[in-house]
Amino acid sequence: MALDPQYTTTPNISADTETTANNVYNGTGTVGTAFTAGANGSYVSFIKLKPLGTNVASVARFWVNNGLTNATAENNYLVAETTLPATTAVANAALTEIVVSLNMAIEAGYKVNWAIGTTVAAGWQATVVGGDY
């Protein structure tokens, strides 16, 4: 057991955009990889969800995948989900932003995969903010 606190040494920020529905809860099917842990593991602080235009309401689900195929349900762990509101892009107002806190360490090679529950027009972007050990 470490006696000193461990801090990340390198920022790891990545993103993925999804438009296609995946209504399963086990992390299989059509998912995007929003984050991959570094060689010594990573800490994931939060995920910022941003609509890229006009969309119908949906849901976002996030799984930690153990680095193996997501087609095997046992490789995926559902860690968060949040409702995505319908959005309408207009020239004079910002679109809704949603922040999902994860605040968790993940092992080297593990991934944060995600999907949305309904097909949307413009898409949602998930930006994961974390760091590598």
C-alpha atoms as a PDB file:
ATOM      1  CA  MET A   1       0.000   0.000   0.000  1.00  0.00           C
ATOM      2  CA  ALA A   2       1.360   3.401  -0.964  1.00  0.00           C
ATOM      3  CA  LEU A   3       2.248   5.751   1.864  1.00  0.00           C
ATOM      4  CA  ASP A   4       2.152   8.888  -0.252  1.00  0.00           C
ATOM      5  CA  PRO A   5      -0.825  10.126  -2.256  1.00  0.00           C
ATOM      6  CA  GLN A   6      -0.672   9.352  -5.962  1.00  0.00           C
ATOM      7  CA  TYR A   7      -1.376  12.137  -8.422  1.00  0.00           C
ATOM      8  CA  THR A   8      -1.787  12.045 -12.165  1.00  0.00           C
ATOM      9  CA  THR A   9       1.239  13.252 -14.110  1.00  0.00           C
ATOM     10  CA  THR A  10      -0.177  13.740 -17.606  1.00  0.00           C
ATOM     11  CA  PRO A  11      -3.559  15.182 -18.548  1.00  0.00           C
ATOM     12  CA  ASN A  12      -5.729  12.784 -20.545  1.00  0.00           C
ATOM     13  CA  ILE A  13      -8.675  14.493 -22.205  1.00  0.00           C
ATOM     14  CA  SER A  14     -10.558  12.857 -25.047  1.00  0.00           C
ATOM     15  CA  ALA A  15     -13.960  12.945 -26.694  1.00  0.00           C
ATOM     16  CA  ASP A  16     -16.388  10.968 -28.808  1.00  0.00           C
ATOM     17  CA  THR A  17     -19.603  11.902 -30.608  1.00  0.00           C
ATOM     18  CA  GLU A  18     -22.638   9.633 -30.908  1.00  0.00           C
ATOM     19  CA  THR A  19     -25.849   9.885 -32.954  1.00  0.00           C
ATOM     20  CA  THR A  20     -26.999   6.234 -33.206  1.00  0.00           C
ATOM     21  CA  ALA A  21     -29.283   4.503 -30.687  1.00  0.00           C
ATOM     22  CA  ASN A  22     -28.139   1.673 -28.444  1.00  0.00           C
ATOM     23  CA  ASN A  23     -30.838   0.735 -25.945  1.00  0.00           C
ATOM     24  CA  VAL A  24     -29.061  -2.103 -24.104  1.00  0.00           C
ATOM     25  CA  TYR A  25     -27.798  -1.802 -20.557  1.00  0.00           C
ATOM     26  CA  ASN A  26     -24.823  -4.177 -20.750  1.00  0.00           C
ATOM     27  CA  GLY A  27     -22.362  -2.178 -22.866  1.00  0.00           C
ATOM     28  CA  THR A  28     -22.614  -4.373 -25.950  1.00  0.00           C
ATOM     29  CA  GLY A  29     -23.741  -3.148 -29.359  1.00  0.00           C
ATOM     30  CA  THR A  30     -22.939   0.263 -30.808  1.00  0.00           C
ATOM     31  CA  VAL A  31     -20.807   2.166 -28.314  1.00  0.00           C
ATOM     32  CA  GLY A  32     -18.218   4.881 -28.618  1.00  0.00           C
ATOM     33  CA  THR A  33     -14.934   4.932 -26.743  1.00  0.00           C
ATOM     34  CA  ALA A  34     -14.661   8.287 -25.017  1.00  0.00           C
ATOM     35  CA  PHE A  35     -11.536   7.538 -22.945  1.00  0.00           C
ATOM     36  CA  THR A  36      -8.700   5.007 -22.770  1.00  0.00           C
ATOM     37  CA  ALA A  37      -6.534   4.745 -19.656  1.00  0.00           C
ATOM     38  CA  GLY A  38      -2.791   5.238 -19.946  1.00  0.00           C
ATOM     39  CA  ALA A  39      -0.015   2.656 -19.439  1.00  0.00           C
ATOM     40  CA  ASN A  40      -0.037   3.086 -15.630  1.00  0.00           C
ATOM     41  CA  GLY A  41      -3.772   3.592 -15.244  1.00  0.00           C
ATOM     42  CA  SER A  42      -5.766   6.800 -15.130  1.00  0.00           C
ATOM     43  CA  TYR A  43      -8.065   8.892 -13.009  1.00  0.00           C
ATOM     44  CA  VAL A  44     -11.324  10.025 -14.612  1.00  0.00           C
ATOM     45  CA  SER A  45     -12.720  13.157 -13.033  1.00  0.00           C
ATOM     46  CA  PHE A  46     -15.812  14.004 -15.071  1.00  0.00           C
ATOM     47  CA  ILE A  47     -17.569  13.770 -18.417  1.00  0.00           C
ATOM     48  CA  LYS A  48     -19.057  16.833 -20.102  1.00  0.00           C
ATOM     49  CA  LEU A  49     -21.959  16.140 -22.455  1.00  0.00           C
ATOM     50  CA  LYS A  50     -22.655  18.764 -25.079  1.00  0.00           C
ATOM     51  CA  PRO A  51     -25.365  18.630 -27.761  1.00  0.00           C
ATOM     52  CA  LEU A  52     -24.107  19.512 -31.223  1.00  0.00           C
ATOM     53  CA  GLY A  53     -27.412  20.950 -32.412  1.00  0.00           C
ATOM     54  CA  THR A  54     -31.082  20.006 -32.442  1.00  0.00           C
ATOM     55  CA  ASN A  55     -31.810  16.570 -30.925  1.00  0.00           C
ATOM     56  CA  VAL A  56     -34.733  14.596 -29.506  1.00  0.00           C
ATOM     57  CA  ALA A  57     -34.575  13.550 -25.850  1.00  0.00           C
ATOM     58  CA  SER A  58     -32.424  10.524 -25.031  1.00  0.00           C
ATOM     59  CA  VAL A  59     -30.253   8.992 -22.336  1.00  0.00           C
ATOM     60  CA  ALA A  60     -26.487   8.603 -22.075  1.00  0.00           C
ATOM     61  CA  ARG A  61     -24.993   5.484 -20.489  1.00  0.00           C
ATOM     62  CA  PHE A  62     -21.358   5.000 -19.523  1.00  0.00           C
ATOM     63  CA  TRP A  63     -19.509   1.745 -18.977  1.00  0.00           C
ATOM     64  CA  VAL A  64     -15.993   1.000 -17.831  1.00  0.00           C
ATOM     65  CA  ASN A  65     -14.691  -1.708 -20.156  1.00  0.00           C
ATOM     66  CA  ASN A  66     -11.797  -3.919 -19.066  1.00  0.00           C
ATOM     67  CA  GLY A  67      -9.914  -3.425 -22.328  1.00  0.00           C
ATOM     68  CA  LEU A  68     -11.306  -6.556 -23.971  1.00  0.00           C
ATOM     69  CA  THR A  69     -14.132  -6.724 -26.503  1.00  0.00           C
ATOM     70  CA  ASN A  70     -17.264  -4.854 -25.492  1.00  0.00           C
ATOM     71  CA  ALA A  71     -19.281  -7.526 -27.332  1.00  0.00           C
ATOM     72  CA  THR A  72     -18.957  -9.677 -24.188  1.00  0.00           C
ATOM     73  CA  ALA A  73     -21.267  -8.188 -21.551  1.00  0.00           C
ATOM     74  CA  GLU A  74     -19.064  -9.383 -18.657  1.00  0.00           C
ATOM     75  CA  ASN A  75     -16.290  -7.025 -19.862  1.00  0.00           C
ATOM     76  CA  ASN A  76     -18.463  -3.932 -19.268  1.00  0.00           C
ATOM     77  CA  TYR A  77     -19.492  -2.263 -16.005  1.00  0.00           C
ATOM     78  CA  LEU A  78     -22.311   0.296 -16.079  1.00  0.00           C
ATOM     79  CA  VAL A  79     -21.038   3.209 -13.972  1.00  0.00           C
ATOM     80  CA  ALA A  80     -23.347   6.125 -14.830  1.00  0.00           C
ATOM     81  CA  GLU A  81     -26.337   7.214 -16.842  1.00  0.00           C
ATOM     82  CA  THR A  82     -28.111  10.516 -17.274  1.00  0.00           C
ATOM     83  CA  THR A  83     -31.133  11.864 -19.107  1.00  0.00           C
ATOM     84  CA  LEU A  84     -30.415  13.958 -22.184  1.00  0.00           C
ATOM     85  CA  PRO A  85     -33.077  16.598 -22.838  1.00  0.00           C
ATOM     86  CA  ALA A  86     -34.409  17.507 -26.254  1.00  0.00           C
ATOM     87  CA  THR A  87     -32.382  20.410 -27.624  1.00  0.00           C
ATOM     88  CA  THR A  88     -33.093  23.085 -30.206  1.00  0.00           C
ATOM     89  CA  ALA A  89     -30.200  25.000 -31.693  1.00  0.00           C
ATOM     90  CA  VAL A  90     -30.834  28.743 -31.967  1.00  0.00           C
ATOM     91  CA  ALA A  91     -28.540  31.630 -32.769  1.00  0.00           C
ATOM     92  CA  ASN A  92     -29.031  33.528 -29.504  1.00  0.00           C
ATOM     93  CA  ALA A  93     -28.837  30.911 -26.714  1.00  0.00           C
ATOM     94  CA  ALA A  94     -26.440  28.268 -25.494  1.00  0.00           C
ATOM     95  CA  LEU A  95     -27.377  24.613 -25.647  1.00  0.00           C
ATOM     96  CA  THR A  96     -27.696  22.552 -22.476  1.00  0.00           C
ATOM     97  CA  GLU A  97     -24.475  21.175 -20.973  1.00  0.00           C
ATOM     98  CA  ILE A  98     -24.505  18.201 -18.626  1.00  0.00           C
ATOM     99  CA  VAL A  99     -21.633  17.162 -16.368  1.00  0.00           C
ATOM    100  CA  VAL A 100     -21.409  13.595 -15.075  1.00  0.00           C
ATOM    101  CA  SER A 101     -18.946  13.119 -12.215  1.00  0.00           C
ATOM    102  CA  LEU A 102     -17.074   9.827 -12.178  1.00  0.00           C
ATOM    103  CA  ASN A 103     -14.147  10.549  -9.827  1.00  0.00           C
ATOM    104  CA  MET A 104     -12.658   7.087 -10.194  1.00  0.00           C
ATOM    105  CA  ALA A 105      -9.351   5.437 -10.986  1.00  0.00           C
ATOM    106  CA  ILE A 106      -9.300   2.888 -13.776  1.00  0.00           C
ATOM    107  CA  GLU A 107      -6.671   0.320 -14.657  1.00  0.00           C
ATOM    108  CA  ALA A 108      -4.219   0.539 -17.543  1.00  0.00           C
ATOM    109  CA  GLY A 109      -5.892  -0.203 -20.866  1.00  0.00           C
ATOM    110  CA  TYR A 110      -9.418   0.084 -19.477  1.00  0.00           C
ATOM    111  CA  LYS A 111     -11.844   2.275 -21.420  1.00  0.00           C
ATOM    112  CA  VAL A 112     -14.851   4.461 -20.802  1.00  0.00           C
ATOM    113  CA  ASN A 113     -17.400   3.508 -23.435  1.00  0.00           C
ATOM    114  CA  TRP A 114     -20.715   5.208 -23.876  1.00  0.00           C
ATOM    115  CA  ALA A 115     -23.925   5.130 -25.888  1.00  0.00           C
ATOM    116  CA  ILE A 116     -27.170   7.031 -26.286  1.00  0.00           C
ATOM    117  CA  GLY A 117     -30.593   5.415 -26.044  1.00  0.00           C
ATOM    118  CA  THR A 118     -32.286   6.968 -29.092  1.00  0.00           C
ATOM    119  CA  THR A 119     -31.034   8.074 -32.476  1.00  0.00           C
ATOM    120  CA  VAL A 120     -30.597  11.847 -32.580  1.00  0.00           C
ATOM    121  CA  ALA A 121     -30.113  14.285 -35.449  1.00  0.00           C
ATOM    122  CA  ALA A 122     -27.111  16.435 -34.555  1.00  0.00           C
ATOM    123  CA  GLY A 123     -25.417  14.234 -31.966  1.00  0.00           C
ATOM    124  CA  TRP A 124     -24.028  14.502 -28.467  1.00  0.00           C
ATOM    125  CA  GLN A 125     -20.334  14.846 -27.690  1.00  0.00           C
ATOM    126  CA  ALA A 126     -18.894  13.316 -24.521  1.00  0.00           C
ATOM    127  CA  THR A 127     -15.616  14.912 -23.415  1.00  0.00           C
ATOM    128  CA  VAL A 128     -13.839  12.987 -20.675  1.00  0.00           C
ATOM    129  CA  VAL A 129     -11.456  14.906 -18.417  1.00  0.00           C
ATOM    130  CA  GLY A 130      -8.891  12.895 -16.510  1.00  0.00           C
ATOM    131  CA  GLY A 131      -5.212  12.194 -16.146  1.00  0.00           C
ATOM    132  CA  ASP A 132      -2.710   9.362 -16.460  1.00  0.00           C
ATOM    133  CA  TYR A 133      -0.571   8.121 -13.569  1.00  0.00           C
END
